[in-house]
Amino acid sequence: MNFVVEFYRSRDADEAMLDRVSLEAPNLRAALHGATELFRSLAMPQVPDRLRISDEDGSELYAGPADGAYPADA
């Protein structure tokens, strides 16, 4: 399945997207693991504090901390 991972910084109600990456993974848990690896390896202008994972249709599947904390239901 193709996922879209967005890394961003949030301050109050404002968000600044730092990077958007397509990621192929079999399920959401694997996509979150891949996003964690990307967090460590991508050179971004700032350190992101949040990430969002969407499916290829744009439906949000996960939004949370960029440290790779797994959601209980993933």
Protein backbone atom coordinates (compact mmCIF):
# COMPACT_ATOMS: atom_id res chain seq x y z
CA MET A 1 0.00 0.00 0.00
CA ASN A 2 1.23 3.49 -0.77
CA PHE A 3 1.30 5.99 2.10
CA VAL A 4 2.15 9.69 2.22
CA VAL A 5 4.18 10.85 5.22
CA GLU A 6 4.23 14.54 6.12
CA PHE A 7 6.69 15.89 8.67
CA TYR A 8 5.86 19.23 10.25
CA ARG A 9 6.43 21.58 13.15
CA SER A 10 3.51 22.87 15.12
CA ARG A 11 3.27 26.01 17.17
CA ASP A 12 -0.05 26.87 18.77
CA ALA A 13 -2.56 26.51 15.91
CA ASP A 14 0.02 26.96 13.12
CA GLU A 15 1.72 24.13 11.24
CA ALA A 16 4.75 24.35 8.96
CA MET A 17 5.30 21.36 6.69
CA LEU A 18 8.97 20.44 6.44
CA ASP A 19 8.81 17.47 4.06
CA ARG A 20 6.37 15.14 2.30
CA VAL A 21 7.47 11.65 1.28
CA SER A 22 5.73 8.71 -0.41
CA LEU A 23 6.31 5.39 1.31
CA GLU A 24 5.38 1.84 0.28
CA ALA A 25 4.45 -0.39 3.23
CA PRO A 26 2.13 -3.37 3.84
CA ASN A 27 0.19 -1.70 6.71
CA LEU A 28 0.00 1.37 8.93
CA ARG A 29 2.35 0.00 11.60
CA ALA A 30 5.03 -0.66 8.96
CA ALA A 31 4.46 2.81 7.50
CA LEU A 32 4.94 4.36 10.95
CA HIS A 33 8.16 2.38 11.39
CA GLY A 34 9.33 3.60 7.96
CA ALA A 35 8.41 7.17 8.88
CA THR A 36 10.54 6.86 12.02
CA GLU A 37 13.49 5.75 9.91
CA LEU A 38 12.92 8.67 7.53
CA PHE A 39 12.77 11.04 10.52
CA ARG A 40 16.30 9.94 11.43
CA SER A 41 17.72 10.02 7.90
CA LEU A 42 16.16 12.97 6.06
CA ALA A 43 17.92 16.33 6.07
CA MET A 44 15.14 18.78 6.91
CA PRO A 45 15.51 22.53 7.56
CA GLN A 46 14.19 22.08 11.12
CA VAL A 47 13.54 19.13 13.38
CA PRO A 48 9.90 18.08 13.02
CA ASP A 49 7.82 17.47 16.13
CA ARG A 50 4.78 15.93 14.43
CA LEU A 51 4.03 13.64 11.53
CA ARG A 52 0.94 12.73 9.57
CA ILE A 53 0.39 9.54 7.57
CA SER A 54 -2.28 9.46 4.87
CA ASP A 55 -3.29 6.89 2.31
CA GLU A 56 -2.87 7.57 -1.40
CA ASP A 57 -6.39 9.08 -1.53
CA GLY A 58 -5.49 11.66 1.12
CA SER A 59 -7.40 10.12 4.03
CA GLU A 60 -5.52 10.75 7.27
CA LEU A 61 -4.65 7.48 9.02
CA TYR A 62 -2.34 8.72 11.77
CA ALA A 63 -1.25 12.05 13.20
CA GLY A 64 1.04 12.18 16.17
CA PRO A 65 4.50 12.77 17.55
CA ALA A 66 7.44 12.45 15.17
CA ASP A 67 9.30 10.22 17.64
CA GLY A 68 7.57 7.13 16.25
CA ALA A 69 5.32 6.38 19.22
CA TYR A 70 2.98 3.67 17.99
CA PRO A 71 -0.74 4.29 18.36
CA ALA A 72 -2.52 1.58 20.35
CA ASP A 73 -4.86 0.71 17.46
CA ALA A 74 -2.34 0.55 14.58
